[in-house]
Amino acid sequence: MRVNKAKNVFSNHVSSALEFLTNENHKLEYITTSWFVKQISKWFSLMTSRTCCTALGTKNKEIYNASISFLRKIIDLFTKIKIIDQIPPFNNNLTIEYNNKEINSLYHIAEYCLASVKKTCTSCSNCIEFVGSKKNIKAKKTSLNFKYSLLTRLKCYNVKTLYFVNEATFQVFLQLENIFRHYRPYFDKMRNVNSHTFLVNEFNSIPTDHILDCHNLHLKLFKKFATVRLKFKNKRKIVLPNRKYYDSKSMATMYHSFK
């Protein structure tokens, strides 16, 4: 069995380098890896060495007892070791810059989520009015909400066809997108974790004081947004030579502009 590469990785040189980087770059997460590499290096040297100084011989009782004690700790380590996916928590102070294409696509996703919840879930006109309405935005062209809703206004081919979320609701969707982008790289590494449930639980930390609680509308919007964004991430497509197929033109447009 060839173990040269593994021996070079699990060596005292690598452990020392990681310990140096821990102090140099203030990366405390390196210290655990450094300790583990050092333990494996010592165990491998002890098990493969044939010299009387390090081999399991009784010539030196003190070294022998120390080696036996170390091996028992290694057995205990290998028996109880667990690999845990460490996901850094979301930082509320994190700011993400969006370009105009992304921000308009996000506004349209917000409109889709609200329309879908209104159509498929129990709600009332009162709680919907606190989130948005089908009245086209008549704000000044200099306002942010008017700029964000350009794609939605262009797609609104008839009066009262699409929903327009208000500024407070759109800020909530911005925070939802920030959380999703933070955890997106870790979804494939999560074991025995439902990504949708995980996202909804994280979304619950977002304040939604302007939304009425009569029908849990905020929770329904959270679930719908998680479903939509995960669908974009794990897009269903058939790949042919230089061609991609999506459920609809709207889905294709939103995906390519807002991955």
Protein backbone atom coordinates (compact mmCIF):
# COMPACT_ATOMS: atom_id res chain seq x y z
CA MET A 1 0.00 0.00 0.00
CA ARG A 2 1.42 3.38 -1.04
CA VAL A 3 1.15 5.90 1.77
CA ASN A 4 3.85 8.40 0.82
CA LYS A 5 1.40 11.16 -0.14
CA ALA A 6 -0.66 10.65 3.00
CA LYS A 7 2.53 10.62 5.06
CA ASN A 8 3.62 13.91 3.51
CA VAL A 9 0.26 15.52 4.30
CA PHE A 10 -0.08 14.16 7.83
CA SER A 11 3.37 15.27 8.90
CA ASN A 12 4.89 17.47 11.51
CA HIS A 13 5.90 19.96 8.78
CA VAL A 14 2.27 20.52 7.78
CA SER A 15 1.16 20.73 11.39
CA SER A 16 3.82 23.32 12.17
CA ALA A 17 2.89 25.36 9.10
CA LEU A 18 -0.80 25.39 10.09
CA GLU A 19 0.10 26.41 13.63
CA PHE A 20 2.22 29.24 12.23
CA LEU A 21 -0.65 30.43 10.01
CA THR A 22 -2.94 30.34 13.03
CA ASN A 23 -0.82 32.92 14.80
CA GLU A 24 0.08 34.88 11.67
CA ASN A 25 -3.39 35.24 10.11
CA HIS A 26 -5.44 34.92 13.32
CA LYS A 27 -7.29 31.90 11.88
CA LEU A 28 -8.35 29.99 14.97
CA GLU A 29 -10.05 27.32 12.87
CA TYR A 30 -6.61 26.12 11.74
CA ILE A 31 -5.57 25.08 15.24
CA THR A 32 -7.87 22.04 15.31
CA THR A 33 -6.56 20.80 11.97
CA SER A 34 -3.00 21.39 13.12
CA TRP A 35 -3.57 19.35 16.28
CA PHE A 36 -5.22 16.49 14.34
CA VAL A 37 -2.40 16.34 11.76
CA LYS A 38 0.15 16.22 14.57
CA GLN A 39 -1.68 13.36 16.28
CA ILE A 40 -1.86 11.31 13.07
CA SER A 41 1.82 11.98 12.32
CA LYS A 42 2.84 10.81 15.77
CA TRP A 43 0.62 7.72 15.56
CA PHE A 44 2.01 6.76 12.12
CA SER A 45 5.60 7.22 13.28
CA LEU A 46 4.96 5.13 16.36
CA MET A 47 3.32 2.28 14.44
CA THR A 48 5.88 2.09 11.61
CA SER A 49 9.16 2.93 13.35
CA ARG A 50 11.62 0.08 13.93
CA THR A 51 14.14 2.01 16.00
CA CYS A 52 14.44 1.21 19.65
CA CYS A 53 13.89 4.85 20.53
CA THR A 54 10.33 5.11 19.20
CA ALA A 55 9.19 1.51 18.72
CA LEU A 56 6.94 -0.21 21.25
CA GLY A 57 9.71 -1.79 23.22
CA THR A 58 10.11 -2.19 26.96
CA LYS A 59 13.72 -1.07 26.99
CA ASN A 60 12.64 2.30 28.34
CA LYS A 61 9.60 1.86 30.58
CA GLU A 62 8.81 5.57 30.73
CA ILE A 63 8.69 5.95 26.92
CA TYR A 64 6.79 2.69 26.62
CA ASN A 65 4.08 3.77 29.08
CA ALA A 66 3.76 7.16 27.36
CA SER A 67 3.37 5.46 23.96
CA ILE A 68 0.73 3.05 25.27
CA SER A 69 -1.18 5.96 26.83
CA PHE A 70 -1.02 7.86 23.54
CA LEU A 71 -2.30 4.86 21.56
CA ARG A 72 -5.26 4.50 23.93
CA LYS A 73 -6.11 8.15 23.32
CA ILE A 74 -5.87 7.58 19.57
CA ILE A 75 -8.26 4.63 19.83
CA ASP A 76 -10.67 6.78 21.79
CA LEU A 77 -10.27 9.59 19.21
CA PHE A 78 -11.02 7.34 16.23
CA THR A 79 -13.96 5.76 18.03
CA LYS A 80 -15.69 9.01 18.98
CA ILE A 81 -14.67 11.32 16.13
CA LYS A 82 -17.53 12.94 14.19
CA ILE A 83 -17.51 15.13 11.11
CA ILE A 84 -19.80 18.11 11.63
CA ASP A 85 -20.69 20.58 8.90
CA GLN A 86 -19.76 23.92 10.37
CA ILE A 87 -21.75 26.65 8.68
CA PRO A 88 -20.89 30.22 9.65
CA PRO A 89 -23.92 32.12 10.94
CA PHE A 90 -25.38 34.94 8.89
CA ASN A 91 -24.08 38.40 9.69
CA ASN A 92 -26.91 40.93 9.83
CA ASN A 93 -24.46 43.74 9.11
CA LEU A 94 -23.44 42.12 5.82
CA THR A 95 -24.17 44.30 2.79
CA ILE A 96 -24.38 42.87 -0.72
CA GLU A 97 -24.32 45.07 -3.78
CA TYR A 98 -26.82 44.24 -6.53
CA ASN A 99 -26.76 45.51 -10.06
CA ASN A 100 -29.88 46.89 -11.74
CA LYS A 101 -30.65 43.60 -13.49
CA GLU A 102 -30.51 41.63 -10.25
CA ILE A 103 -32.56 44.13 -8.28
CA ASN A 104 -35.35 44.20 -10.90
CA SER A 105 -35.37 40.40 -11.05
CA LEU A 106 -35.63 40.23 -7.26
CA TYR A 107 -38.58 42.63 -7.32
CA HIS A 108 -40.27 40.43 -9.90
CA ILE A 109 -39.64 37.36 -7.71
CA ALA A 110 -41.28 39.24 -4.83
CA GLU A 111 -44.28 39.91 -7.08
CA TYR A 112 -44.45 36.24 -8.06
CA CYS A 113 -44.29 35.08 -4.43
CA LEU A 114 -47.07 37.45 -3.38
CA ALA A 115 -49.29 36.48 -6.33
CA SER A 116 -48.71 32.78 -5.71
CA VAL A 117 -49.48 33.04 -1.99
CA LYS A 118 -52.62 35.07 -2.74
CA LYS A 119 -53.77 32.41 -5.22
CA THR A 120 -52.91 29.20 -3.36
CA CYS A 121 -53.01 30.09 0.35
CA THR A 122 -55.60 31.46 2.72
CA SER A 123 -55.33 35.21 3.15
CA CYS A 124 -57.47 38.31 3.36
CA SER A 125 -57.49 41.64 1.58
CA ASN A 126 -56.32 43.44 4.72
CA CYS A 127 -53.05 41.54 5.13
CA ILE A 128 -52.37 41.63 1.37
CA GLU A 129 -52.75 45.43 1.30
CA PHE A 130 -49.98 45.79 3.89
CA VAL A 131 -47.61 43.96 1.52
CA GLY A 132 -48.56 45.26 -1.93
CA SER A 133 -51.32 45.76 -4.44
CA LYS A 134 -52.10 45.45 -8.14
CA LYS A 135 -52.10 49.19 -8.59
CA ASN A 136 -49.20 50.26 -10.78
CA ILE A 137 -46.60 52.32 -8.97
CA LYS A 138 -47.17 56.04 -9.44
CA ALA A 139 -44.13 57.16 -7.53
CA LYS A 140 -41.59 59.60 -8.86
CA LYS A 141 -39.11 58.24 -11.37
CA THR A 142 -36.31 59.14 -8.97
CA SER A 143 -37.63 56.87 -6.20
CA LEU A 144 -35.93 53.52 -5.61
CA ASN A 145 -39.17 51.54 -5.71
CA PHE A 146 -39.95 52.92 -9.17
CA LYS A 147 -36.49 51.91 -10.41
CA TYR A 148 -36.70 48.42 -8.87
CA SER A 149 -40.07 47.68 -10.47
CA LEU A 150 -39.09 48.46 -14.08
CA LEU A 151 -39.14 44.80 -15.19
CA THR A 152 -42.47 44.18 -13.44
CA ARG A 153 -44.03 47.30 -14.97
CA LEU A 154 -42.91 46.25 -18.42
CA LYS A 155 -44.42 42.78 -17.93
CA CYS A 156 -47.69 44.25 -16.67
CA TYR A 157 -49.45 44.27 -20.05
CA ASN A 158 -52.86 45.10 -18.57
CA VAL A 159 -54.22 47.07 -15.64
CA LYS A 160 -54.14 45.16 -12.32
CA THR A 161 -52.40 42.14 -13.83
CA LEU A 162 -49.38 41.90 -11.52
CA TYR A 163 -48.72 42.79 -7.90
CA PHE A 164 -46.41 45.62 -6.85
CA VAL A 165 -44.87 45.14 -3.39
CA ASN A 166 -44.30 48.22 -1.26
CA GLU A 167 -40.93 49.50 -0.14
CA ALA A 168 -41.04 47.87 3.31
CA THR A 169 -41.87 44.47 1.83
CA PHE A 170 -39.15 44.74 -0.79
CA GLN A 171 -36.60 45.46 1.94
CA VAL A 172 -37.70 42.18 3.54
CA PHE A 173 -37.07 40.35 0.26
CA LEU A 174 -33.64 41.95 0.04
CA GLN A 175 -32.81 40.48 3.43
CA LEU A 176 -34.19 37.11 2.32
CA GLU A 177 -31.89 37.17 -0.70
CA ASN A 178 -28.91 38.16 1.47
CA ILE A 179 -29.49 35.16 3.73
CA PHE A 180 -29.94 32.83 0.76
CA ARG A 181 -26.71 33.99 -0.88
CA HIS A 182 -24.83 33.53 2.38
CA TYR A 183 -25.89 29.89 2.81
CA ARG A 184 -26.01 28.92 -0.90
CA PRO A 185 -22.41 27.55 -1.02
CA TYR A 186 -23.12 25.23 1.91
CA PHE A 187 -26.34 23.54 0.73
CA ASP A 188 -24.54 20.74 -1.09
CA LYS A 189 -22.39 20.05 1.99
CA MET A 190 -25.30 19.74 4.42
CA ARG A 191 -25.99 16.17 5.52
CA ASN A 192 -29.43 15.12 6.73
CA VAL A 193 -30.62 18.73 6.57
CA ASN A 194 -33.67 19.91 4.65
CA SER A 195 -32.51 23.03 2.80
CA HIS A 196 -36.01 24.49 2.57
CA THR A 197 -36.72 24.08 6.30
CA PHE A 198 -33.28 25.40 7.16
CA LEU A 199 -33.83 28.54 5.08
CA VAL A 200 -37.29 29.23 6.49
CA ASN A 201 -35.93 28.95 10.03
CA GLU A 202 -33.20 31.45 9.17
CA PHE A 203 -35.73 33.78 7.51
CA ASN A 204 -37.72 33.96 10.75
CA SER A 205 -35.07 36.27 12.20
CA ILE A 206 -36.11 39.02 9.76
CA PRO A 207 -38.49 41.60 11.29
CA THR A 208 -41.83 41.91 9.49
CA ASP A 209 -43.67 44.33 11.75
CA HIS A 210 -45.53 45.97 8.86
CA ILE A 211 -47.24 42.68 7.86
CA LEU A 212 -50.40 41.64 9.71
CA ASP A 213 -50.33 38.32 11.58
CA CYS A 214 -53.92 37.32 10.87
CA HIS A 215 -52.99 34.64 8.30
CA ASN A 216 -49.23 34.24 8.90
CA LEU A 217 -48.61 35.91 5.55
CA HIS A 218 -44.94 36.55 6.30
CA LEU A 219 -44.30 32.84 6.90
CA LYS A 220 -46.06 31.91 3.66
CA LEU A 221 -43.94 34.42 1.76
CA PHE A 222 -40.80 33.01 3.39
CA LYS A 223 -41.70 29.47 2.31
CA LYS A 224 -42.56 30.53 -1.23
CA PHE A 225 -39.34 32.52 -1.62
CA ALA A 226 -37.27 29.57 -0.34
CA THR A 227 -39.01 27.29 -2.84
CA VAL A 228 -38.38 29.65 -5.75
CA ARG A 229 -34.72 30.32 -4.97
CA LEU A 230 -33.94 26.64 -4.39
CA LYS A 231 -35.65 25.85 -7.69
CA PHE A 232 -33.38 28.33 -9.45
CA LYS A 233 -30.38 26.80 -7.72
CA ASN A 234 -31.36 23.24 -8.64
CA LYS A 235 -32.87 24.21 -11.97
CA ARG A 236 -34.77 21.52 -13.88
CA LYS A 237 -33.48 21.52 -17.43
CA ILE A 238 -32.74 19.19 -20.33
CA VAL A 239 -29.36 19.83 -21.84
CA LEU A 240 -28.99 19.33 -25.58
CA PRO A 241 -26.14 20.64 -27.76
CA ASN A 242 -25.95 24.37 -26.92
CA ARG A 243 -29.61 24.45 -25.86
CA LYS A 244 -31.42 24.75 -22.52
CA TYR A 245 -35.09 24.23 -21.79
CA TYR A 246 -37.07 25.76 -18.95
CA ASP A 247 -40.67 25.58 -17.78
CA SER A 248 -41.50 28.94 -19.34
CA LYS A 249 -39.93 32.02 -20.87
CA SER A 250 -40.38 33.90 -17.60
CA MET A 251 -38.48 31.24 -15.68
CA ALA A 252 -35.69 31.28 -18.26
CA THR A 253 -35.46 35.08 -18.12
CA MET A 254 -35.36 35.23 -14.33
CA TYR A 255 -32.81 32.41 -14.10
CA HIS A 256 -30.34 33.87 -16.56
CA SER A 257 -30.58 37.32 -15.00
CA PHE A 258 -30.69 36.20 -11.38
CA LYS A 259 -28.84 32.93 -10.62
